Amino acid sequence: MVRNDWCIVLGMIWTIIFSGMSFYWAMGGMLGVRSLGGSIYQMSQNPSPSFVMIVWLTGVIKLLGFLFLLMLLVQWKKPIIPRIL
């Protein structure tokens, strides 16, 4: 099976950008928040500490995608690991 490394790298870049937006919003940034929807936009106007924590957590979860993609680039010695990924 041929592996397209450039597709994996593009996916890694995308996950960093995607999680970076969550971190930006968690720090109080408002660019693009209106596109998230009515109730989330209203909560971002006057965020509670629990809402900010959830936004930070979503950014961290999005970064897990980066780790999975990075694991695809590694040359594993055991053949079971690439099969699982």
Protein backbone atom coordinates (compact mmCIF):
# COMPACT_ATOMS: atom_id res chain seq x y z
CA MET A 1 0.00 0.00 0.00
CA VAL A 2 1.46 3.35 -1.06
CA ARG A 3 1.41 6.08 1.55
CA ASN A 4 0.96 9.73 0.59
CA ASP A 5 3.12 11.57 3.10
CA TRP A 6 2.15 14.97 1.78
CA CYS A 7 -1.52 14.27 2.56
CA ILE A 8 -0.59 13.37 6.12
CA VAL A 9 1.48 16.55 6.48
CA LEU A 10 -1.39 18.65 5.12
CA GLY A 11 -3.68 16.98 7.66
CA MET A 12 -1.22 17.83 10.43
CA ILE A 13 -1.14 21.48 9.34
CA TRP A 14 -4.95 21.53 9.22
CA THR A 15 -5.27 20.14 12.76
CA ILE A 16 -2.87 22.78 14.10
CA ILE A 17 -4.87 25.56 12.44
CA PHE A 18 -8.16 24.03 13.58
CA SER A 19 -7.02 23.65 17.19
CA GLY A 20 -5.36 27.06 17.09
CA MET A 21 -8.76 28.65 16.52
CA SER A 22 -10.08 27.01 19.69
CA PHE A 23 -7.10 28.30 21.66
CA TYR A 24 -7.61 31.77 20.16
CA TRP A 25 -11.27 31.74 21.20
CA ALA A 26 -10.38 30.43 24.67
CA MET A 27 -8.04 33.40 25.14
CA GLY A 28 -10.90 35.77 24.34
CA GLY A 29 -10.54 36.25 20.59
CA MET A 30 -13.76 37.03 18.77
CA LEU A 31 -12.76 36.61 15.11
CA GLY A 32 -15.05 34.00 13.56
CA VAL A 33 -17.07 33.30 16.71
CA ARG A 34 -20.30 34.46 15.09
CA SER A 35 -20.07 31.55 12.64
CA LEU A 36 -20.41 29.03 15.50
CA GLY A 37 -24.11 29.58 16.06
CA GLY A 38 -26.55 31.49 18.21
CA SER A 39 -26.19 30.05 21.70
CA ILE A 40 -22.42 29.56 21.50
CA TYR A 41 -22.01 33.09 20.18
CA GLN A 42 -24.10 34.42 23.08
CA MET A 43 -22.03 32.44 25.60
CA SER A 44 -18.81 33.81 24.09
CA GLN A 45 -19.98 37.38 24.69
CA ASN A 46 -19.87 36.87 28.46
CA PRO A 47 -18.06 33.54 29.01
CA SER A 48 -18.18 31.67 32.27
CA PRO A 49 -15.01 29.93 33.51
CA SER A 50 -16.51 26.52 32.69
CA PHE A 51 -17.20 27.61 29.10
CA VAL A 52 -13.60 28.80 28.68
CA MET A 53 -12.35 25.48 30.10
CA ILE A 54 -14.48 23.55 27.62
CA VAL A 55 -13.07 25.59 24.72
CA TRP A 56 -9.50 24.90 25.94
CA LEU A 57 -10.37 21.20 26.22
CA THR A 58 -11.72 21.08 22.67
CA GLY A 59 -8.45 22.59 21.44
CA VAL A 60 -6.48 19.88 23.22
CA ILE A 61 -8.74 17.16 21.82
CA LYS A 62 -8.25 18.55 18.32
CA LEU A 63 -4.49 18.32 18.83
CA LEU A 64 -4.89 14.56 19.40
CA GLY A 65 -5.57 14.34 15.67
CA PHE A 66 -2.10 15.77 15.11
CA LEU A 67 -0.62 12.98 17.23
CA PHE A 68 -2.49 10.29 15.30
CA LEU A 69 -1.30 11.72 12.00
CA LEU A 70 2.24 11.95 13.32
CA MET A 71 2.04 8.29 14.30
CA LEU A 72 1.23 7.49 10.66
CA LEU A 73 4.53 9.02 9.55
CA VAL A 74 6.65 6.95 11.93
CA GLN A 75 8.25 3.77 10.56
CA TRP A 76 7.16 1.21 13.15
CA LYS A 77 9.11 -2.01 13.71
CA LYS A 78 6.01 -4.02 14.58
CA PRO A 79 3.55 -4.35 11.67
CA ILE A 80 0.50 -4.42 13.95
CA ILE A 81 0.73 -0.71 14.83
CA PRO A 82 0.32 0.66 11.26
CA ARG A 83 -2.51 -1.80 10.71
CA ILE A 84 -4.31 -0.44 13.77
CA LEU A 85 -3.79 3.15 12.66
